[in-house]
Amino acid sequence: MPNFYDKGTHELLIVFQGKGRAIIIIGYSWSKSSQKYKDADLATLEKAGVRKVFTDATDLPTVQRPGFSDMLAYIHTGDEIVITSLTNLGTDNSELSAALDAICARNTSLNILNFPSFAAVHDASERWQLTCAIRDLADFAKHRNGAGTGLITVVEPTHGDRGRKREYAPDSPNPAKRAIYREVLEMLTARLPVTQIAKTVGINRKQIYRIKEYAQESGDLVSSVR
């Protein structure tokens, strides 16, 4: 059974008209099991204008959040996800980074109610880029904190990257990121704009340039590709 909450007679709130379809906003809540906390979260999201909320309970393991999975399947490019706090996405930097990565991959943006508002940014693509910037900060914090606590193991120096294995590479330990590396190379070879590539694969432009630089150094990409 779908794990979502509908409020009112309108299932969706239209924010503005995009090209070809209406851009919508939905809410997500990973709240405490207590009904008191659930009601408080839902009331806050409703006040923000949300009419559809996907929910999960915190007693579920992070990898078993059906509401979050249903939300990812529901949203489309340009849509906006509203949460009351980043803690709705994870309890540590690793969980947070993974959740933000999934959201960015869907080309959607976040409205975090206890963060400075993105309301003044009317372009959906620019809001998506801001969301991915938050994702990159969480990813940086994950690696920084992990290195300090021994969660990240020391690896042999590879690719000339100061001893740390590259995140996006043909030998990345993450199969999804290996696939992204190959996809980026294909699009670079086809001479697609970096901005378009970043939006397609769900990572920022700086990371695309890093992949390009490494691929040219390693011979995976000819230097004439710009």
Foldseek 3Di string as FASTA:
>chain_A
DAQKDFDDDDRWDFDQPDPPGTATEAEEAAFAPDVVGVVVFVVVVVVVPHGMYFYHYVVDPLVPGRSLVVVLVPHAALHEYEGQALVRQDDALVSSLVSLQSCLLRNAAYAHNVDPGPVVVPDSNVRSQVSLVVSVVSVVVVVVVCVVVVVDPFAADDLVPVRDDDCQDCPHPDPLSVVLLVVLQVVLVVLDDLSVSCSNRRHDSVVSVVSVVSCCVVVVHPPVRD
